[in-house]
PDB file of all heavy atoms in Angstrom:
ATOM      1  N   GLU A   1     -24.373  26.458  62.157  1.00  0.00           N
ATOM      2  CA  GLU A   1     -24.238  25.064  61.865  1.00  0.00           C
ATOM      3  C   GLU A   1     -22.838  24.586  61.172  1.00  0.00           C
ATOM      4  O   GLU A   1     -22.467  23.545  61.396  1.00  0.00           O
ATOM      5  CB  GLU A   1     -25.481  24.538  61.064  1.00  0.00           C
ATOM      6  CG  GLU A   1     -26.807  24.754  61.743  1.00  0.00           C
ATOM      7  CD  GLU A   1     -27.933  24.140  61.016  1.00  0.00           C
ATOM      8  OE1 GLU A   1     -27.693  23.472  59.996  1.00  0.00           O
ATOM      9  OE2 GLU A   1     -29.142  24.252  61.474  1.00  0.00           O
ATOM     10  N   VAL A   2     -22.375  25.542  60.354  1.00  0.00           N
ATOM     11  CA  VAL A   2     -21.258  25.052  59.576  1.00  0.00           C
ATOM     12  C   VAL A   2     -20.060  26.083  59.501  1.00  0.00           C
ATOM     13  O   VAL A   2     -18.929  25.629  59.196  1.00  0.00           O
ATOM     14  CB  VAL A   2     -21.644  24.708  58.123  1.00  0.00           C
ATOM     15  CG1 VAL A   2     -22.717  23.601  58.114  1.00  0.00           C
ATOM     16  CG2 VAL A   2     -22.099  25.923  57.427  1.00  0.00           C
ATOM     17  N   TYR A   3     -20.257  27.214  59.964  1.00  0.00           N
ATOM     18  CA  TYR A   3     -19.123  28.176  59.777  1.00  0.00           C
ATOM     19  C   TYR A   3     -17.880  27.861  60.477  1.00  0.00           C
ATOM     20  O   TYR A   3     -16.832  27.858  59.968  1.00  0.00           O
ATOM     21  CB  TYR A   3     -19.572  29.562  60.283  1.00  0.00           C
ATOM     22  CG  TYR A   3     -18.525  30.718  59.887  1.00  0.00           C
ATOM     23  CD1 TYR A   3     -17.999  30.839  58.603  1.00  0.00           C
ATOM     24  CD2 TYR A   3     -18.257  31.552  60.999  1.00  0.00           C
ATOM     25  CE1 TYR A   3     -17.135  31.855  58.435  1.00  0.00           C
ATOM     26  CE2 TYR A   3     -17.319  32.607  60.717  1.00  0.00           C
ATOM     27  CZ  TYR A   3     -16.778  32.749  59.441  1.00  0.00           C
ATOM     28  OH  TYR A   3     -15.833  33.780  59.232  1.00  0.00           O
ATOM     29  N   PRO A   4     -17.979  27.298  61.762  1.00  0.00           N
ATOM     30  CA  PRO A   4     -16.779  27.012  62.545  1.00  0.00           C
ATOM     31  C   PRO A   4     -16.034  25.784  61.826  1.00  0.00           C
ATOM     32  O   PRO A   4     -14.845  25.755  61.808  1.00  0.00           O
ATOM     33  CB  PRO A   4     -17.350  26.594  63.897  1.00  0.00           C
ATOM     34  CG  PRO A   4     -18.564  27.286  64.141  1.00  0.00           C
ATOM     35  CD  PRO A   4     -19.195  27.447  62.673  1.00  0.00           C
ATOM     36  N   GLU A   5     -16.758  24.936  61.418  1.00  0.00           N
ATOM     37  CA  GLU A   5     -16.027  23.713  60.594  1.00  0.00           C
ATOM     38  C   GLU A   5     -15.510  24.206  59.391  1.00  0.00           C
ATOM     39  O   GLU A   5     -14.355  23.808  59.001  1.00  0.00           O
ATOM     40  CB  GLU A   5     -17.132  22.658  60.310  1.00  0.00           C
ATOM     41  CG  GLU A   5     -17.683  21.940  61.586  1.00  0.00           C
ATOM     42  CD  GLU A   5     -18.677  20.779  61.078  1.00  0.00           C
ATOM     43  OE1 GLU A   5     -18.242  19.981  60.241  1.00  0.00           O
ATOM     44  OE2 GLU A   5     -19.723  20.825  61.518  1.00  0.00           O
ATOM     45  N   ILE A   6     -16.079  25.093  58.658  1.00  0.00           N
ATOM     46  CA  ILE A   6     -15.469  25.667  57.407  1.00  0.00           C
ATOM     47  C   ILE A   6     -14.245  26.396  57.749  1.00  0.00           C
ATOM     48  O   ILE A   6     -13.102  26.247  57.049  1.00  0.00           O
ATOM     49  CB  ILE A   6     -16.491  26.549  56.724  1.00  0.00           C
ATOM     50  CG1 ILE A   6     -17.570  25.722  56.033  1.00  0.00           C
ATOM     51  CG2 ILE A   6     -15.850  27.472  55.647  1.00  0.00           C
ATOM     52  CD1 ILE A   6     -18.704  26.492  55.525  1.00  0.00           C
ATOM     53  N   LEU A   7     -14.144  27.132  58.740  1.00  0.00           N
ATOM     54  CA  LEU A   7     -12.961  27.930  59.148  1.00  0.00           C
ATOM     55  C   LEU A   7     -11.897  26.901  59.568  1.00  0.00           C
ATOM     56  O   LEU A   7     -10.692  27.072  59.217  1.00  0.00           O
ATOM     57  CB  LEU A   7     -13.254  28.869  60.386  1.00  0.00           C
ATOM     58  CG  LEU A   7     -14.067  30.046  60.103  1.00  0.00           C
ATOM     59  CD1 LEU A   7     -14.250  30.843  61.400  1.00  0.00           C
ATOM     60  CD2 LEU A   7     -13.397  30.981  59.020  1.00  0.00           C
ATOM     61  N   ALA A   8     -12.284  25.807  60.207  1.00  0.00           N
ATOM     62  CA  ALA A   8     -11.294  24.807  60.682  1.00  0.00           C
ATOM     63  C   ALA A   8     -10.584  24.106  59.360  1.00  0.00           C
ATOM     64  O   ALA A   8      -9.521  23.634  59.630  1.00  0.00           O
ATOM     65  CB  ALA A   8     -11.993  23.849  61.645  1.00  0.00           C
ATOM     66  N   ARG A   9     -11.359  24.128  58.284  1.00  0.00           N
ATOM     67  CA  ARG A   9     -10.665  23.473  57.066  1.00  0.00           C
ATOM     68  C   ARG A   9     -10.075  24.595  56.272  1.00  0.00           C
ATOM     69  O   ARG A   9      -9.875  24.327  54.998  1.00  0.00           O
ATOM     70  CB  ARG A   9     -11.869  22.848  56.254  1.00  0.00           C
ATOM     71  CG  ARG A   9     -12.451  21.578  57.022  1.00  0.00           C
ATOM     72  CD  ARG A   9     -11.500  20.362  56.923  1.00  0.00           C
ATOM     73  NE  ARG A   9     -11.208  20.019  55.560  1.00  0.00           N
ATOM     74  CZ  ARG A   9     -11.919  19.148  54.922  1.00  0.00           C
ATOM     75  NH1 ARG A   9     -12.928  18.617  55.443  1.00  0.00           N
ATOM     76  NH2 ARG A   9     -11.565  18.828  53.736  1.00  0.00           N
ATOM     77  N   ASN A  10      -9.754  25.760  56.801  1.00  0.00           N
ATOM     78  CA  ASN A  10      -9.147  26.834  56.051  1.00  0.00           C
ATOM     79  C   ASN A  10     -10.044  27.367  54.916  1.00  0.00           C
ATOM     80  O   ASN A  10      -9.475  27.857  53.932  1.00  0.00           O
ATOM     81  CB  ASN A  10      -7.734  26.373  55.474  1.00  0.00           C
ATOM     82  CG  ASN A  10      -6.770  26.088  56.477  1.00  0.00           C
ATOM     83  OD1 ASN A  10      -6.763  26.694  57.608  1.00  0.00           O
ATOM     84  ND2 ASN A  10      -6.083  24.908  56.382  1.00  0.00           N
ATOM     85  N   GLY A  11     -11.341  27.334  55.130  1.00  0.00           N
ATOM     86  CA  GLY A  11     -12.253  27.833  54.220  1.00  0.00           C
ATOM     87  C   GLY A  11     -12.836  29.071  54.717  1.00  0.00           C
ATOM     88  O   GLY A  11     -12.639  29.459  55.982  1.00  0.00           O
ATOM     89  N   THR A  12     -13.861  29.696  54.090  1.00  0.00           N
ATOM     90  CA  THR A  12     -14.562  30.855  54.593  1.00  0.00           C
ATOM     91  C   THR A  12     -15.945  30.949  53.901  1.00  0.00           C
ATOM     92  O   THR A  12     -16.275  30.104  52.991  1.00  0.00           O
ATOM     93  CB  THR A  12     -13.849  32.203  54.492  1.00  0.00           C
ATOM     94  OG1 THR A  12     -14.409  33.150  55.181  1.00  0.00           O
ATOM     95  CG2 THR A  12     -13.776  32.551  52.976  1.00  0.00           C
ATOM     96  N   ILE A  13     -16.759  31.821  54.337  1.00  0.00           N
ATOM     97  CA  ILE A  13     -18.010  32.127  53.739  1.00  0.00           C
ATOM     98  C   ILE A  13     -18.069  33.728  53.375  1.00  0.00           C
ATOM     99  O   ILE A  13     -17.624  34.528  54.212  1.00  0.00           O
ATOM    100  CB  ILE A  13     -19.222  31.739  54.632  1.00  0.00           C
ATOM    101  CG1 ILE A  13     -19.147  30.319  55.067  1.00  0.00           C
ATOM    102  CG2 ILE A  13     -20.571  32.104  54.035  1.00  0.00           C
ATOM    103  CD1 ILE A  13     -20.369  29.970  55.999  1.00  0.00           C
ATOM    104  N   VAL A  14     -18.739  33.941  52.291  1.00  0.00           N
ATOM    105  CA  VAL A  14     -18.976  35.377  51.962  1.00  0.00           C
ATOM    106  C   VAL A  14     -20.372  35.518  51.298  1.00  0.00           C
ATOM    107  O   VAL A  14     -20.793  34.649  50.524  1.00  0.00           O
ATOM    108  CB  VAL A  14     -17.795  35.939  50.963  1.00  0.00           C
ATOM    109  CG1 VAL A  14     -17.852  35.259  49.619  1.00  0.00           C
ATOM    110  CG2 VAL A  14     -18.025  37.429  50.841  1.00  0.00           C
ATOM    111  N   GLY A  15     -20.987  36.415  51.712  1.00  0.00           N
ATOM    112  CA  GLY A  15     -22.385  36.805  51.145  1.00  0.00           C
ATOM    113  C   GLY A  15     -22.192  37.740  49.945  1.00  0.00           C
ATOM    114  O   GLY A  15     -21.198  38.569  50.029  1.00  0.00           O
ATOM    115  N   VAL A  16     -23.171  37.761  49.085  1.00  0.00           N
ATOM    116  CA  VAL A  16     -23.190  38.836  47.986  1.00  0.00           C
ATOM    117  C   VAL A  16     -24.652  39.239  47.849  1.00  0.00           C
ATOM    118  O   VAL A  16     -25.643  38.443  47.726  1.00  0.00           O
ATOM    119  CB  VAL A  16     -22.680  38.290  46.678  1.00  0.00           C
ATOM    120  CG1 VAL A  16     -22.836  39.304  45.503  1.00  0.00           C
ATOM    121  CG2 VAL A  16     -21.302  37.826  46.783  1.00  0.00           C
ATOM    122  N   VAL A  17     -24.866  40.503  47.945  1.00  0.00           N
ATOM    123  CA  VAL A  17     -26.247  41.098  47.770  1.00  0.00           C
ATOM    124  C   VAL A  17     -26.272  42.265  46.836  1.00  0.00           C
ATOM    125  O   VAL A  17     -25.309  43.105  46.897  1.00  0.00           O
ATOM    126  CB  VAL A  17     -26.809  41.403  49.183  1.00  0.00           C
ATOM    127  CG1 VAL A  17     -26.026  42.551  49.823  1.00  0.00           C
ATOM    128  CG2 VAL A  17     -28.338  41.851  49.185  1.00  0.00           C
ATOM    129  N   GLY A  18     -27.336  42.406  46.101  1.00  0.00           N
ATOM    130  CA  GLY A  18     -27.512  43.403  45.133  1.00  0.00           C
ATOM    131  C   GLY A  18     -27.989  44.782  45.745  1.00  0.00           C
ATOM    132  O   GLY A  18     -28.809  45.446  45.251  1.00  0.00           O
ATOM    133  N   GLN A  19     -27.245  45.096  46.866  1.00  0.00           N
ATOM    134  CA  GLN A  19     -27.549  46.563  47.453  1.00  0.00           C
ATOM    135  C   GLN A  19     -26.210  47.072  47.903  1.00  0.00           C
ATOM    136  O   GLN A  19     -25.144  46.444  47.728  1.00  0.00           O
ATOM    137  CB  GLN A  19     -28.323  46.185  48.788  1.00  0.00           C
ATOM    138  CG  GLN A  19     -29.740  45.586  48.519  1.00  0.00           C
ATOM    139  CD  GLN A  19     -30.527  45.417  49.906  1.00  0.00           C
ATOM    140  OE1 GLN A  19     -30.180  44.447  50.626  1.00  0.00           O
ATOM    141  NE2 GLN A  19     -31.544  46.205  50.101  1.00  0.00           N
ATOM    142  N   GLU A  20     -26.302  48.368  48.185  1.00  0.00           N
ATOM    143  CA  GLU A  20     -25.071  49.028  48.699  1.00  0.00           C
ATOM    144  C   GLU A  20     -24.402  48.371  49.813  1.00  0.00           C
ATOM    145  O   GLU A  20     -24.960  47.823  50.722  1.00  0.00           O
ATOM    146  CB  GLU A  20     -25.373  50.596  49.030  1.00  0.00           C
ATOM    147  CG  GLU A  20     -25.821  51.307  47.874  1.00  0.00           C
ATOM    148  CD  GLU A  20     -26.164  52.725  48.277  1.00  0.00           C
ATOM    149  OE1 GLU A  20     -25.998  53.131  49.563  1.00  0.00           O
ATOM    150  OE2 GLU A  20     -26.642  53.667  47.448  1.00  0.00           O
ATOM    151  N   GLN A  21     -23.036  48.721  49.901  1.00  0.00           N
ATOM    152  CA  GLN A  21     -22.217  48.037  50.850  1.00  0.00           C
ATOM    153  C   GLN A  21     -22.710  48.473  52.409  1.00  0.00           C
ATOM    154  O   GLN A  21     -22.789  47.586  53.286  1.00  0.00           O
ATOM    155  CB  GLN A  21     -20.775  48.404  50.786  1.00  0.00           C
ATOM    156  CG  GLN A  21     -19.806  47.693  51.774  1.00  0.00           C
ATOM    157  CD  GLN A  21     -19.873  46.178  51.445  1.00  0.00           C
ATOM    158  OE1 GLN A  21     -19.631  45.657  50.372  1.00  0.00           O
ATOM    159  NE2 GLN A  21     -20.159  45.396  52.515  1.00  0.00           N
ATOM    160  N   ALA A  22     -23.080  49.698  52.523  1.00  0.00           N
ATOM    161  CA  ALA A  22     -23.608  50.174  53.815  1.00  0.00           C
ATOM    162  C   ALA A  22     -24.798  49.396  54.260  1.00  0.00           C
ATOM    163  O   ALA A  22     -24.975  49.049  55.551  1.00  0.00           O
ATOM    164  CB  ALA A  22     -23.860  51.599  53.849  1.00  0.00           C
ATOM    165  N   ILE A  23     -25.679  49.021  53.379  1.00  0.00           N
ATOM    166  CA  ILE A  23     -26.859  48.251  53.691  1.00  0.00           C
ATOM    167  C   ILE A  23     -26.458  46.790  54.172  1.00  0.00           C
ATOM    168  O   ILE A  23     -26.914  46.270  55.084  1.00  0.00           O
ATOM    169  CB  ILE A  23     -27.948  48.149  52.511  1.00  0.00           C
ATOM    170  CG1 ILE A  23     -28.351  49.578  52.332  1.00  0.00           C
ATOM    171  CG2 ILE A  23     -29.014  47.220  52.835  1.00  0.00           C
ATOM    172  CD1 ILE A  23     -29.263  49.703  51.007  1.00  0.00           C
ATOM    173  N   ALA A  24     -25.505  46.187  53.326  1.00  0.00           N
ATOM    174  CA  ALA A  24     -25.072  44.876  53.517  1.00  0.00           C
ATOM    175  C   ALA A  24     -24.331  44.857  54.913  1.00  0.00           C
ATOM    176  O   ALA A  24     -24.572  43.974  55.787  1.00  0.00           O
ATOM    177  CB  ALA A  24     -24.055  44.503  52.573  1.00  0.00           C
ATOM    178  N   ASP A  25     -23.580  45.842  55.316  1.00  0.00           N
ATOM    179  CA  ASP A  25     -22.801  45.884  56.618  1.00  0.00           C
ATOM    180  C   ASP A  25     -23.762  46.008  57.690  1.00  0.00           C
ATOM    181  O   ASP A  25     -23.567  45.406  58.768  1.00  0.00           O
ATOM    182  CB  ASP A  25     -21.826  46.972  56.587  1.00  0.00           C
ATOM    183  CG  ASP A  25     -20.643  46.860  55.657  1.00  0.00           C
ATOM    184  OD1 ASP A  25     -20.379  45.659  55.250  1.00  0.00           O
ATOM    185  OD2 ASP A  25     -19.977  47.926  55.297  1.00  0.00           O
ATOM    186  N   LYS A  26     -24.805  46.847  57.550  1.00  0.00           N
ATOM    187  CA  LYS A  26     -25.746  46.976  58.710  1.00  0.00           C
ATOM    188  C   LYS A  26     -26.576  45.749  58.888  1.00  0.00           C
ATOM    189  O   LYS A  26     -26.666  45.386  60.097  1.00  0.00           O
ATOM    190  CB  LYS A  26     -26.770  48.231  58.309  1.00  0.00           C
ATOM    191  CG  LYS A  26     -27.852  48.499  59.312  1.00  0.00           C
ATOM    192  CD  LYS A  26     -28.711  49.568  59.014  1.00  0.00           C
ATOM    193  CE  LYS A  26     -29.728  49.872  60.061  1.00  0.00           C
ATOM    194  NZ  LYS A  26     -30.663  50.889  59.717  1.00  0.00           N
ATOM    195  N   ALA A  27     -26.983  45.001  57.866  1.00  0.00           N
ATOM    196  CA  ALA A  27     -27.590  43.771  58.105  1.00  0.00           C
ATOM    197  C   ALA A  27     -26.728  42.789  58.842  1.00  0.00           C
ATOM    198  O   ALA A  27     -27.186  42.040  59.692  1.00  0.00           O
ATOM    199  CB  ALA A  27     -27.968  43.248  56.720  1.00  0.00           C
ATOM    200  N   MET A  28     -25.450  42.605  58.369  1.00  0.00           N
ATOM    201  CA  MET A  28     -24.642  41.682  58.997  1.00  0.00           C
ATOM    202  C   MET A  28     -24.394  41.961  60.485  1.00  0.00           C
ATOM    203  O   MET A  28     -24.308  41.062  61.279  1.00  0.00           O
ATOM    204  CB  MET A  28     -23.198  41.682  58.303  1.00  0.00           C
ATOM    205  CG  MET A  28     -23.149  41.239  56.803  1.00  0.00           C
ATOM    206  SD  MET A  28     -23.687  39.561  56.638  1.00  0.00           S
ATOM    207  CE  MET A  28     -25.322  39.730  56.127  1.00  0.00           C
ATOM    208  N   ALA A  29     -24.373  43.202  60.740  1.00  0.00           N
ATOM    209  CA  ALA A  29     -24.162  43.700  62.126  1.00  0.00           C
ATOM    210  C   ALA A  29     -25.414  43.388  62.937  1.00  0.00           C
ATOM    211  O   ALA A  29     -25.376  42.881  64.116  1.00  0.00           O
ATOM    212  CB  ALA A  29     -23.764  45.128  62.342  1.00  0.00           C
ATOM    213  N   THR A  30     -26.521  43.726  62.438  1.00  0.00           N
ATOM    214  CA  THR A  30     -27.882  43.599  63.155  1.00  0.00           C
ATOM    215  C   THR A  30     -28.118  42.128  63.277  1.00  0.00           C
ATOM    216  O   THR A  30     -28.657  41.730  64.356  1.00  0.00           O
ATOM    217  CB  THR A  30     -29.086  44.143  62.363  1.00  0.00           C
ATOM    218  OG1 THR A  30     -28.657  45.714  62.091  1.00  0.00           O
ATOM    219  CG2 THR A  30     -30.356  44.009  62.933  1.00  0.00           C
ATOM    220  N   TRP A  31     -27.840  41.253  62.301  1.00  0.00           N
ATOM    221  CA  TRP A  31     -28.074  39.871  62.406  1.00  0.00           C
ATOM    222  C   TRP A  31     -27.053  39.070  63.124  1.00  0.00           C
ATOM    223  O   TRP A  31     -27.135  37.856  63.248  1.00  0.00           O
ATOM    224  CB  TRP A  31     -28.316  39.312  61.000  1.00  0.00           C
ATOM    225  CG  TRP A  31     -29.422  39.940  60.287  1.00  0.00           C
ATOM    226  CD1 TRP A  31     -30.505  40.627  60.712  1.00  0.00           C
ATOM    227  CD2 TRP A  31     -29.794  39.866  58.797  1.00  0.00           C
ATOM    228  NE1 TRP A  31     -31.394  40.991  59.825  1.00  0.00           N
ATOM    229  CE2 TRP A  31     -30.927  40.615  58.589  1.00  0.00           C
ATOM    230  CE3 TRP A  31     -28.962  39.341  57.831  1.00  0.00           C
ATOM    231  CZ2 TRP A  31     -31.396  40.742  57.251  1.00  0.00           C
ATOM    232  CZ3 TRP A  31     -29.471  39.389  56.510  1.00  0.00           C
ATOM    233  CH2 TRP A  31     -30.640  40.335  56.213  1.00  0.00           C
ATOM    234  N   LYS A  32     -25.881  39.797  63.424  1.00  0.00           N
ATOM    235  CA  LYS A  32     -24.772  39.146  64.137  1.00  0.00           C
ATOM    236  C   LYS A  32     -24.120  38.026  63.325  1.00  0.00           C
ATOM    237  O   LYS A  32     -23.921  36.869  63.739  1.00  0.00           O
ATOM    238  CB  LYS A  32     -25.199  38.600  65.482  1.00  0.00           C
ATOM    239  CG  LYS A  32     -25.481  39.810  66.500  1.00  0.00           C
ATOM    240  CD  LYS A  32     -25.945  39.156  67.862  1.00  0.00           C
ATOM    241  CE  LYS A  32     -26.224  40.369  68.840  1.00  0.00           C
ATOM    242  NZ  LYS A  32     -27.197  41.301  68.461  1.00  0.00           N
ATOM    243  N   ILE A  33     -23.966  38.232  61.982  1.00  0.00           N
ATOM    244  CA  ILE A  33     -23.270  37.348  61.143  1.00  0.00           C
ATOM    245  C   ILE A  33     -21.803  37.651  61.159  1.00  0.00           C
ATOM    246  O   ILE A  33     -21.432  38.764  60.847  1.00  0.00           O
ATOM    247  CB  ILE A  33     -23.830  37.498  59.718  1.00  0.00           C
ATOM    248  CG1 ILE A  33     -25.276  37.447  59.658  1.00  0.00           C
ATOM    249  CG2 ILE A  33     -23.185  36.415  58.790  1.00  0.00           C
ATOM    250  CD1 ILE A  33     -25.942  36.045  60.158  1.00  0.00           C
ATOM    251  N   PRO A  34     -20.927  36.619  61.374  1.00  0.00           N
ATOM    252  CA  PRO A  34     -19.469  36.945  61.617  1.00  0.00           C
ATOM    253  C   PRO A  34     -18.777  36.986  60.208  1.00  0.00           C
ATOM    254  O   PRO A  34     -17.622  37.602  60.301  1.00  0.00           O
ATOM    255  CB  PRO A  34     -19.071  35.649  62.463  1.00  0.00           C
ATOM    256  CG  PRO A  34     -19.965  34.654  61.999  1.00  0.00           C
ATOM    257  CD  PRO A  34     -21.272  35.242  61.758  1.00  0.00           C
ATOM    258  N   PHE A  35     -19.241  36.666  59.143  1.00  0.00           N
ATOM    259  CA  PHE A  35     -18.543  36.710  57.883  1.00  0.00           C
ATOM    260  C   PHE A  35     -19.100  37.874  57.136  1.00  0.00           C
ATOM    261  O   PHE A  35     -20.220  38.338  57.321  1.00  0.00           O
ATOM    262  CB  PHE A  35     -18.610  35.419  57.108  1.00  0.00           C
ATOM    263  CG  PHE A  35     -20.059  34.892  56.943  1.00  0.00           C
ATOM    264  CD1 PHE A  35     -20.916  35.312  55.955  1.00  0.00           C
ATOM    265  CD2 PHE A  35     -20.477  33.795  57.833  1.00  0.00           C
ATOM    266  CE1 PHE A  35     -22.136  34.783  55.822  1.00  0.00           C
ATOM    267  CE2 PHE A  35     -21.802  33.377  57.668  1.00  0.00           C
ATOM    268  CZ  PHE A  35     -22.612  33.766  56.573  1.00  0.00           C
ATOM    269  N   PRO A  36     -18.301  38.369  56.157  1.00  0.00           N
ATOM    270  CA  PRO A  36     -18.765  39.594  55.458  1.00  0.00           C
ATOM    271  C   PRO A  36     -19.730  39.220  54.307  1.00  0.00           C
ATOM    272  O   PRO A  36     -19.868  38.194  53.773  1.00  0.00           O
ATOM    273  CB  PRO A  36     -17.412  40.156  54.777  1.00  0.00           C
ATOM    274  CG  PRO A  36     -16.590  38.866  54.546  1.00  0.00           C
ATOM    275  CD  PRO A  36     -16.977  38.041  55.697  1.00  0.00           C
ATOM    276  N   SER A  37     -20.488  40.378  53.914  1.00  0.00           N
ATOM    277  CA  SER A  37     -21.236  40.291  52.679  1.00  0.00           C
ATOM    278  C   SER A  37     -20.860  41.431  51.920  1.00  0.00           C
ATOM    279  O   SER A  37     -20.616  42.576  52.396  1.00  0.00           O
ATOM    280  CB  SER A  37     -22.744  40.299  52.917  1.00  0.00           C
ATOM    281  OG  SER A  37     -23.364  39.101  53.229  1.00  0.00           O
ATOM    282  N   ILE A  38     -20.602  41.171  50.675  1.00  0.00           N
ATOM    283  CA  ILE A  38     -20.164  42.258  49.714  1.00  0.00           C
ATOM    284  C   ILE A  38     -21.538  42.928  49.010  1.00  0.00           C
ATOM    285  O   ILE A  38     -22.236  42.203  48.470  1.00  0.00           O
ATOM    286  CB  ILE A  38     -19.303  41.669  48.572  1.00  0.00           C
ATOM    287  CG1 ILE A  38     -17.927  41.048  49.225  1.00  0.00           C
ATOM    288  CG2 ILE A  38     -18.914  42.964  47.594  1.00  0.00           C
ATOM    289  CD1 ILE A  38     -17.158  40.355  48.106  1.00  0.00           C
TER     290      ILE A  38
END
């Protein structure tokens, strides 16, 4: 709903989760989320 508009305004989105990076990366890939989570 909003990520393309945010990018167009020179902004971005980042997620943060209290788990290891490998778990975060796997979730982003599985869910097809285009922005990173730390």
